Amino acid sequence: MSINLSKVASQKKIKYFLISFVDLFGVLRAKLVPTQAIAEMQKNGAGFAGFATYLDMSPADSDMLAMPDPKSLIQLPWQPEVGWLASDLVMDGKIVEQCPRVVLKRQIEKLNEKNMVMQTGVECEFFLLSEDGTEVDDKRDTAAKPCYDQSTLMRRYDVIKEICDSMLKLGWKPYQNDHEDANGQFEMNWNYADCLTTADRHVFFKFMVKSIAEKHGLRATFMPKPFPDLTGNGCHVHVSIWDQKKKKNLFLDENGELGLSKLGYSFIGGIMKSADCFSAWFNPSLNSFGRIDASNTLSGATWSPSTVTYTGNNRTHMVRIPDAGRFEVRHADGSANPYLLQAGMLGLGLDGINNKRSPGKRLDINMYTQGHKLKRVKKLPKTLDKALKLFKESKVAKNAFGSSVVSKYIKLKNRELKEYDKQPEGQKSEWSRNNAIDC
């Protein structure tokens, strides 16, 4: 049964809709549409000039139409007269293939052909800063090891409570909130879902956290490395593959090593083969590489992997198998585009499944103290330039997403690198920080 947004608006007392989409750089774009016009927008879409966003389009191109997905509707808990809608992009009657939500849906279609769905959860770390974004707002949050500190958590109770209450109201089933490893850093966890739902919620979560923080006179940021001496913002992804009805976890094998099935290990094999090449999507900002290639922070560890390894329940590796039936991928950061993050995971996993790739030997060592002894271990790229070159050359990426999507992304990111290179030497660090603070 189709969802009539006009009727929904009347029932829920929605006065305006945000018809939104995310471009290739993860920027959330929108038109604010009064309820009286939503029927027309649901039928024909909201018009945008594609050139004005990061989608590699021309000013001469036709109108780009954002077709709202009624199933994605989220009523803003802090402003209930507004409804938010995720959209897919259409131009000249054709789907815009480089639309990140479409990129993800194409990967989902490939997995659906195998009668499988990917379910994921994300851990979105963020900082609460002063309004100008220059420092941690809580002047008393100065401990070297502030992780899980109850007092610093409760000093931000009003903000965290409002965000968590919003997720409870939306039915996301949030289950824990904590102060993280860096001063001013927090993490909030909610239940896993199919990967498209998780991506839509991830997009909205970032918008919600920033909006509620602003209400409280703060600035929230998901940027990978706001401060050189503090732990950066990761965006860990927990992955499992299920049957089409979501009744059976196909990664679960009680007799398998660490409770993971052969399918699960093939998926990890795909990650092991090309994780370095996909860093351009998982670590897409210049600021990302301050986190990936960081020295120890005040807390004593970066919590960020720099090598492509996997293990059991050990947080010093890129891939961790914490318990039976799932694994966690730890190298993505807060600047990752929520749709491309999920699409990238699926692209790697499908390559592993289709080619029955072996992940190689599991390493049960402390990478922080013993990793330097490893020989011939694959490293994650240390610069955005290197990450883009690996992505451009990746046959796995081109097979997964098509040469056009890969080339458009590379083209736009190379323009960004050129802008960075134009900056005076003493201003480059500040430029990259400003470029990522609102990611």
Protein backbone atom coordinates (compact mmCIF):
# COMPACT_ATOMS: atom_id res chain seq x y z
CA MET A 1 0.00 0.00 0.00
CA SER A 2 1.40 3.41 -0.98
CA ILE A 3 1.79 6.09 1.67
CA ASN A 4 -0.09 9.33 1.04
CA LEU A 5 2.04 12.08 2.57
CA SER A 6 -0.83 14.60 2.54
CA LYS A 7 -2.93 12.31 4.71
CA VAL A 8 0.02 11.55 6.97
CA ALA A 9 0.60 15.29 7.40
CA SER A 10 -3.02 15.80 8.44
CA GLN A 11 -2.87 12.92 10.92
CA LYS A 12 0.46 13.96 12.45
CA LYS A 13 -0.12 17.73 12.23
CA ILE A 14 2.93 18.25 10.02
CA LYS A 15 3.05 21.75 8.49
CA TYR A 16 6.30 21.46 6.53
CA PHE A 17 8.45 18.74 4.97
CA LEU A 18 12.20 18.74 4.48
CA ILE A 19 12.75 16.90 1.19
CA SER A 20 16.40 15.94 1.58
CA PHE A 21 19.26 14.21 -0.15
CA VAL A 22 22.95 13.73 0.54
CA ASP A 23 25.54 14.58 -2.13
CA LEU A 24 28.83 12.75 -2.76
CA PHE A 25 30.62 14.76 -0.06
CA GLY A 26 27.98 13.84 2.52
CA VAL A 27 26.42 17.32 2.62
CA LEU A 28 22.73 17.17 3.56
CA ARG A 29 20.69 19.27 1.08
CA ALA A 30 16.99 20.08 1.36
CA LYS A 31 13.94 22.04 0.26
CA LEU A 32 11.43 23.11 2.90
CA VAL A 33 7.99 22.32 1.44
CA PRO A 34 4.63 23.39 2.94
CA THR A 35 2.16 20.58 3.44
CA GLN A 36 -0.20 22.09 0.85
CA ALA A 37 2.42 21.30 -1.84
CA ILE A 38 3.54 17.85 -0.68
CA ALA A 39 1.17 15.90 -2.97
CA GLU A 40 2.77 17.51 -6.01
CA MET A 41 6.26 16.94 -4.64
CA GLN A 42 5.50 13.30 -3.85
CA LYS A 43 4.36 12.79 -7.44
CA ASN A 44 6.95 14.82 -9.36
CA GLY A 45 9.76 15.58 -6.91
CA ALA A 46 11.38 18.75 -5.56
CA GLY A 47 13.60 20.58 -8.04
CA PHE A 48 17.30 21.33 -7.48
CA ALA A 49 20.19 22.64 -9.58
CA GLY A 50 22.59 19.72 -9.44
CA PHE A 51 25.64 21.86 -10.19
CA ALA A 52 25.11 23.68 -6.88
CA THR A 53 25.93 20.45 -5.00
CA TYR A 54 28.80 17.94 -5.02
CA LEU A 55 27.47 15.63 -7.73
CA ASP A 56 29.68 16.54 -10.70
CA MET A 57 27.02 18.26 -12.79
CA SER A 58 26.95 21.28 -15.10
CA PRO A 59 24.98 24.55 -14.87
CA ALA A 60 23.52 23.55 -18.27
CA ASP A 61 22.00 20.33 -16.90
CA SER A 62 18.25 19.93 -16.49
CA ASP A 63 16.52 20.26 -13.15
CA MET A 64 17.44 17.49 -10.75
CA LEU A 65 14.39 16.14 -8.93
CA ALA A 66 14.50 14.73 -5.41
CA MET A 67 11.86 12.01 -5.19
CA PRO A 68 10.98 11.59 -1.49
CA ASP A 69 10.72 8.10 -0.04
CA PRO A 70 7.56 8.16 2.13
CA LYS A 71 8.80 5.15 4.11
CA SER A 72 11.76 7.23 5.33
CA LEU A 73 9.56 9.89 6.97
CA ILE A 74 10.82 11.10 10.35
CA GLN A 75 8.88 13.72 12.30
CA LEU A 76 11.37 16.00 14.03
CA PRO A 77 10.93 15.21 17.76
CA TRP A 78 12.20 18.66 18.77
CA GLN A 79 10.10 20.41 16.09
CA PRO A 80 7.15 18.07 15.36
CA GLU A 81 5.47 20.33 12.81
CA VAL A 82 8.32 19.41 10.43
CA GLY A 83 8.74 16.04 8.71
CA TRP A 84 12.05 14.88 7.20
CA LEU A 85 12.21 12.73 4.06
CA ALA A 86 15.16 10.98 2.41
CA SER A 87 15.09 11.10 -1.38
CA ASP A 88 16.47 9.50 -4.52
CA LEU A 89 17.54 11.78 -7.37
CA VAL A 90 16.14 11.80 -10.92
CA MET A 91 17.16 13.86 -13.96
CA ASP A 92 15.47 13.79 -17.37
CA GLY A 93 13.39 10.83 -16.25
CA LYS A 94 16.44 8.76 -15.30
CA ILE A 95 17.84 7.84 -11.90
CA VAL A 96 21.00 9.80 -11.01
CA GLU A 97 23.44 6.93 -10.52
CA GLN A 98 25.93 8.98 -8.45
CA CYS A 99 23.25 9.83 -5.88
CA PRO A 100 24.72 8.18 -2.76
CA ARG A 101 21.39 6.69 -1.68
CA VAL A 102 21.03 5.17 -5.15
CA VAL A 103 24.61 3.84 -4.99
CA LEU A 104 23.66 2.00 -1.80
CA LYS A 105 20.37 0.73 -3.23
CA ARG A 106 22.22 -0.73 -6.24
CA GLN A 107 24.39 -2.78 -3.87
CA ILE A 108 21.33 -3.86 -1.91
CA GLU A 109 19.74 -5.08 -5.16
CA LYS A 110 22.79 -7.24 -5.87
CA LEU A 111 22.60 -8.79 -2.40
CA ASN A 112 18.84 -9.28 -2.75
CA GLU A 113 19.51 -11.42 -5.83
CA LYS A 114 21.17 -13.86 -3.42
CA ASN A 115 18.08 -13.71 -1.17
CA MET A 116 20.12 -11.92 1.49
CA VAL A 117 19.98 -8.59 3.33
CA MET A 118 22.71 -6.79 5.24
CA GLN A 119 21.87 -5.56 8.72
CA THR A 120 24.15 -3.03 10.35
CA GLY A 121 24.57 -0.78 13.34
CA VAL A 122 26.81 2.29 13.55
CA GLU A 123 28.66 3.89 16.44
CA CYS A 124 28.71 7.62 15.73
CA GLU A 125 31.19 9.45 17.94
CA PHE A 126 30.95 13.24 18.22
CA PHE A 127 32.34 16.18 20.18
CA LEU A 128 30.34 18.87 21.97
CA LEU A 129 32.27 22.09 21.49
CA SER A 130 31.93 25.78 22.20
CA GLU A 131 29.62 27.63 19.83
CA ASP A 132 32.53 28.77 17.64
CA GLY A 133 33.90 25.22 17.49
CA THR A 134 37.37 26.09 18.77
CA GLU A 135 37.43 24.20 22.09
CA VAL A 136 35.71 21.66 24.30
CA ASP A 137 32.86 23.58 25.92
CA ASP A 138 33.05 21.85 29.30
CA LYS A 139 36.02 23.56 30.98
CA ARG A 140 36.11 20.87 33.69
CA ASP A 141 36.42 18.03 31.16
CA THR A 142 40.22 17.81 31.28
CA ALA A 143 41.07 14.30 32.52
CA ALA A 144 43.68 12.28 30.64
CA LYS A 145 41.34 9.28 30.63
CA PRO A 146 37.79 10.69 30.59
CA CYS A 147 36.14 7.65 28.95
CA TYR A 148 32.88 6.62 30.71
CA ASP A 149 33.37 9.38 33.30
CA GLN A 150 30.02 9.75 35.04
CA SER A 151 30.39 13.38 36.14
CA THR A 152 31.34 14.70 32.69
CA LEU A 153 28.53 12.66 31.13
CA MET A 154 25.96 14.06 33.54
CA ARG A 155 27.13 17.66 33.06
CA ARG A 156 25.80 17.25 29.51
CA TYR A 157 22.70 15.36 30.66
CA ASP A 158 20.25 17.90 29.18
CA VAL A 159 21.70 17.54 25.67
CA ILE A 160 22.23 13.77 25.75
CA LYS A 161 18.79 13.21 27.28
CA GLU A 162 17.04 15.25 24.58
CA ILE A 163 18.81 13.33 21.80
CA CYS A 164 18.13 9.96 23.44
CA ASP A 165 14.49 10.87 24.18
CA SER A 166 14.15 11.75 20.48
CA MET A 167 15.45 8.33 19.43
CA LEU A 168 13.13 6.62 21.92
CA LYS A 169 10.19 8.54 20.47
CA LEU A 170 11.22 7.54 16.94
CA GLY A 171 11.37 3.87 17.86
CA TRP A 172 15.07 3.41 17.15
CA LYS A 173 15.56 1.56 20.46
CA PRO A 174 18.62 3.41 21.78
CA TYR A 175 20.28 1.40 24.52
CA GLN A 176 23.30 3.28 25.89
CA ASN A 177 25.00 6.68 25.95
CA ASP A 178 28.50 7.44 27.21
CA HIS A 179 31.32 9.91 27.46
CA GLU A 180 34.02 8.67 25.09
CA ASP A 181 37.83 8.55 25.17
CA ALA A 182 38.47 12.21 24.38
CA ASN A 183 37.53 15.30 26.37
CA GLY A 184 34.19 16.57 25.11
CA GLN A 185 33.50 13.37 23.14
CA PHE A 186 30.32 11.28 23.33
CA GLU A 187 28.74 8.23 21.74
CA MET A 188 25.09 7.12 21.57
CA ASN A 189 24.02 3.67 20.42
CA TRP A 190 20.75 2.48 18.90
CA ASN A 191 19.57 -0.86 17.51
CA TYR A 192 20.77 -2.28 14.20
CA ALA A 193 18.47 -2.48 11.15
CA ASP A 194 18.67 -3.19 7.44
CA CYS A 195 21.50 -1.13 5.97
CA LEU A 196 19.30 1.37 4.08
CA THR A 197 17.33 2.16 7.24
CA THR A 198 20.58 2.46 9.19
CA ALA A 199 21.99 4.86 6.57
CA ASP A 200 18.84 7.03 6.59
CA ARG A 201 18.93 7.12 10.38
CA HIS A 202 22.66 7.87 10.38
CA VAL A 203 22.02 10.90 8.15
CA PHE A 204 19.21 12.09 10.39
CA PHE A 205 21.15 11.37 13.59
CA LYS A 206 23.95 13.73 12.55
CA PHE A 207 21.41 16.43 11.70
CA MET A 208 19.57 15.84 14.97
CA VAL A 209 22.69 15.95 17.18
CA LYS A 210 23.86 19.21 15.57
CA SER A 211 20.40 20.78 15.83
CA ILE A 212 19.85 19.87 19.48
CA ALA A 213 23.39 20.92 20.40
CA GLU A 214 22.71 24.34 18.84
CA LYS A 215 19.56 24.66 20.95
CA HIS A 216 21.81 24.34 24.00
CA GLY A 217 24.37 26.88 22.77
CA LEU A 218 26.89 24.19 21.71
CA ARG A 219 28.39 23.01 18.46
CA ALA A 220 28.47 19.28 17.72
CA THR A 221 31.03 17.90 15.30
CA PHE A 222 31.64 14.45 13.83
CA MET A 223 34.93 15.49 12.21
CA PRO A 224 37.59 12.77 12.42
CA LYS A 225 40.28 14.66 14.35
CA PRO A 226 39.22 17.98 15.91
CA PHE A 227 42.27 18.14 18.21
CA PRO A 228 45.72 16.64 17.54
CA ASP A 229 46.25 15.38 21.10
CA LEU A 230 42.78 13.85 21.58
CA THR A 231 41.22 10.67 20.24
CA GLY A 232 39.32 11.25 16.99
CA ASN A 233 35.75 10.47 15.96
CA GLY A 234 35.35 6.99 14.55
CA CYS A 235 32.23 5.54 12.97
CA HIS A 236 32.45 1.81 13.64
CA VAL A 237 30.10 -0.43 11.66
CA HIS A 238 28.71 -3.73 12.97
CA VAL A 239 27.80 -6.08 10.14
CA SER A 240 25.74 -9.25 9.68
CA ILE A 241 24.00 -10.88 6.70
CA TRP A 242 20.51 -12.34 7.07
CA ASP A 243 18.01 -14.22 4.95
CA GLN A 244 15.42 -12.19 3.03
CA LYS A 245 12.87 -12.35 5.85
CA LYS A 246 15.44 -11.32 8.47
CA LYS A 247 14.74 -14.47 10.44
CA LYS A 248 18.10 -16.21 10.17
CA ASN A 249 21.53 -14.71 10.72
CA LEU A 250 23.66 -16.23 7.95
CA PHE A 251 26.88 -15.14 9.67
CA LEU A 252 26.03 -17.22 12.74
CA ASP A 253 27.61 -20.67 12.99
CA GLU A 254 27.93 -22.08 16.49
CA ASN A 255 30.50 -24.57 15.19
CA GLY A 256 32.45 -22.00 13.20
CA GLU A 257 35.58 -20.32 14.47
CA LEU A 258 34.48 -17.60 16.91
CA GLY A 259 30.88 -18.43 15.96
CA LEU A 260 31.23 -17.01 12.44
CA SER A 261 30.13 -18.88 9.30
CA LYS A 262 32.12 -19.42 6.09
CA LEU A 263 29.96 -16.70 4.52
CA GLY A 264 31.06 -14.32 7.26
CA TYR A 265 34.72 -15.10 6.71
CA SER A 266 34.34 -14.64 2.94
CA PHE A 267 32.84 -11.20 3.63
CA ILE A 268 35.82 -10.36 5.84
CA GLY A 269 38.05 -11.70 3.05
CA GLY A 270 36.63 -9.04 0.73
CA ILE A 271 37.35 -6.39 3.35
CA MET A 272 40.93 -7.64 3.80
CA LYS A 273 41.56 -7.52 0.06
CA SER A 274 40.40 -3.96 -0.66
CA ALA A 275 39.91 -2.01 2.58
CA ASP A 276 42.89 0.20 1.72
CA CYS A 277 41.39 1.01 -1.70
CA PHE A 278 38.03 1.94 -0.14
CA SER A 279 39.58 4.31 2.38
CA ALA A 280 38.58 7.13 0.00
CA TRP A 281 34.97 6.46 1.08
CA PHE A 282 35.51 5.40 4.67
CA ASN A 283 38.02 8.21 5.42
CA PRO A 284 37.04 10.88 2.88
CA SER A 285 38.38 14.11 4.37
CA LEU A 286 41.85 15.58 4.63
CA ASN A 287 41.24 15.68 8.37
CA SER A 288 40.63 11.89 8.35
CA PHE A 289 44.32 11.12 8.10
CA GLY A 290 45.14 12.95 11.30
CA ARG A 291 43.13 10.15 12.92
CA ILE A 292 44.36 7.19 10.83
CA ASP A 293 48.04 8.06 11.15
CA ALA A 294 47.96 9.50 14.67
CA SER A 295 50.49 9.17 17.44
CA ASN A 296 49.26 8.25 20.92
CA THR A 297 46.79 10.65 22.47
CA LEU A 298 46.54 11.90 26.06
CA SER A 299 44.55 8.78 26.95
CA GLY A 300 47.39 6.53 25.81
CA ALA A 301 45.85 5.10 22.60
CA THR A 302 44.29 6.38 19.37
CA TRP A 303 41.70 3.57 19.11
CA SER A 304 42.16 3.96 15.35
CA PRO A 305 43.63 1.19 13.16
CA SER A 306 46.32 1.88 10.57
CA THR A 307 46.79 -1.68 9.26
CA VAL A 308 44.43 -4.12 7.53
CA THR A 309 44.12 -6.95 10.08
CA TYR A 310 41.35 -8.87 11.81
CA THR A 311 41.01 -10.59 15.16
CA GLY A 312 38.61 -11.78 17.84
CA ASN A 313 37.43 -9.50 20.65
CA ASN A 314 40.39 -7.13 20.46
CA ARG A 315 39.96 -3.42 19.70
CA THR A 316 43.50 -2.84 18.39
CA HIS A 317 42.65 -4.30 14.94
CA MET A 318 40.70 -2.98 11.96
CA VAL A 319 38.14 -5.79 12.06
CA ARG A 320 36.99 -7.22 15.39
CA ILE A 321 34.77 -10.27 15.94
CA PRO A 322 33.29 -9.41 19.36
CA ASP A 323 30.86 -12.32 19.51
CA ALA A 324 29.14 -14.95 17.36
CA GLY A 325 27.33 -13.95 14.18
CA ARG A 326 28.71 -10.46 13.52
CA PHE A 327 31.85 -8.40 13.23
CA GLU A 328 32.85 -4.77 13.65
CA VAL A 329 34.80 -2.67 11.13
CA ARG A 330 36.67 0.09 12.94
CA HIS A 331 38.57 2.28 10.47
CA ALA A 332 35.71 4.44 9.09
CA ASP A 333 35.39 7.89 10.66
CA GLY A 334 32.77 10.54 11.33
CA SER A 335 33.23 12.27 7.97
CA ALA A 336 32.11 9.17 6.05
CA ASN A 337 29.01 9.64 3.89
CA PRO A 338 26.39 7.41 5.59
CA TYR A 339 25.20 5.94 2.27
CA LEU A 340 28.63 5.43 0.76
CA LEU A 341 29.81 3.89 4.04
CA GLN A 342 27.15 1.18 3.80
CA ALA A 343 27.58 0.82 0.03
CA GLY A 344 31.32 0.42 0.51
CA MET A 345 30.83 -2.32 3.10
CA LEU A 346 28.47 -4.14 0.75
CA GLY A 347 30.80 -3.70 -2.22
CA LEU A 348 33.67 -5.25 -0.28
CA GLY A 349 31.49 -8.01 1.13
CA LEU A 350 29.94 -8.97 -2.19
CA ASP A 351 33.41 -9.21 -3.72
CA GLY A 352 34.43 -11.49 -0.88
CA ILE A 353 31.30 -13.64 -1.14
CA ASN A 354 31.34 -13.91 -4.94
CA ASN A 355 35.01 -14.88 -5.03
CA LYS A 356 35.03 -16.92 -1.80
CA ARG A 357 37.93 -14.82 -0.57
CA SER A 358 39.90 -15.98 2.44
CA PRO A 359 40.64 -13.35 5.08
CA GLY A 360 43.96 -15.04 5.85
CA LYS A 361 45.25 -15.75 9.30
CA ARG A 362 43.61 -14.12 12.29
CA LEU A 363 46.03 -12.14 14.45
CA ASP A 364 45.52 -12.41 18.19
CA ILE A 365 48.06 -9.79 19.21
CA ASN A 366 48.06 -6.28 20.62
CA MET A 367 48.64 -4.20 17.49
CA TYR A 368 49.68 -1.19 19.54
CA THR A 369 52.63 -3.01 21.10
CA GLN A 370 53.39 -5.80 18.60
CA GLY A 371 52.09 -4.51 15.26
CA HIS A 372 55.45 -3.03 14.28
CA LYS A 373 56.93 -6.54 14.22
CA LEU A 374 54.63 -7.71 11.41
CA LYS A 375 56.12 -8.06 7.94
CA ARG A 376 54.26 -7.61 4.64
CA VAL A 377 51.08 -6.46 6.38
CA LYS A 378 48.81 -4.19 4.35
CA LYS A 379 48.63 -0.59 5.58
CA LEU A 380 45.81 1.90 5.25
CA PRO A 381 46.77 4.97 3.18
CA LYS A 382 48.23 7.86 5.16
CA THR A 383 46.98 10.67 2.91
CA LEU A 384 43.78 11.48 1.02
CA ASP A 385 45.78 11.75 -2.19
CA LYS A 386 47.03 8.17 -1.80
CA ALA A 387 43.54 6.94 -0.85
CA LEU A 388 42.06 8.49 -3.99
CA LYS A 389 44.71 6.90 -6.20
CA LEU A 390 44.02 3.47 -4.73
CA PHE A 391 40.28 3.93 -5.19
CA LYS A 392 40.72 5.07 -8.79
CA GLU A 393 42.80 1.98 -9.59
CA SER A 394 40.54 -0.48 -7.74
CA LYS A 395 38.89 -3.05 -10.01
CA VAL A 396 36.70 -4.06 -7.08
CA ALA A 397 35.36 -0.48 -6.77
CA LYS A 398 34.69 -0.18 -10.51
CA ASN A 399 32.97 -3.58 -10.62
CA ALA A 400 30.85 -2.66 -7.61
CA PHE A 401 29.84 0.91 -8.39
CA GLY A 402 30.66 1.45 -12.06
CA SER A 403 33.46 3.51 -13.57
CA SER A 404 31.27 6.61 -13.84
CA VAL A 405 30.48 6.84 -10.12
CA VAL A 406 34.13 6.21 -9.21
CA SER A 407 35.45 8.82 -11.68
CA LYS A 408 32.94 11.49 -10.63
CA TYR A 409 33.89 11.04 -6.99
CA ILE A 410 37.61 11.15 -7.78
CA LYS A 411 37.16 14.27 -9.93
CA LEU A 412 35.38 16.20 -7.16
CA LYS A 413 37.82 15.12 -4.43
CA ASN A 414 40.80 16.09 -6.58
CA ARG A 415 39.30 19.57 -6.93
CA GLU A 416 39.17 19.71 -3.14
CA LEU A 417 42.84 18.72 -2.93
CA LYS A 418 43.73 21.50 -5.38
CA GLU A 419 41.90 24.04 -3.22
CA TYR A 420 43.83 22.78 -0.21
CA ASP A 421 47.14 23.06 -2.09
CA LYS A 422 46.38 26.70 -2.92
CA GLN A 423 46.26 27.63 0.76
CA PRO A 424 49.33 29.29 2.32
CA GLU A 425 51.42 26.74 4.24
CA GLY A 426 50.56 28.19 7.63
CA GLN A 427 46.83 28.06 6.92
CA LYS A 428 46.45 24.54 5.52
CA SER A 429 45.73 22.87 8.84
CA GLU A 430 43.04 25.42 9.69
CA TRP A 431 41.56 25.12 6.17
CA SER A 432 41.23 21.33 6.44
CA ARG A 433 39.72 21.67 9.93
CA ASN A 434 37.15 24.22 8.78
CA ASN A 435 36.39 22.02 5.79
CA ALA A 436 35.53 19.07 8.03
CA ILE A 437 34.03 20.54 11.18
CA ASP A 438 30.45 20.38 9.87
CA CYS A 439 30.81 17.03 8.07
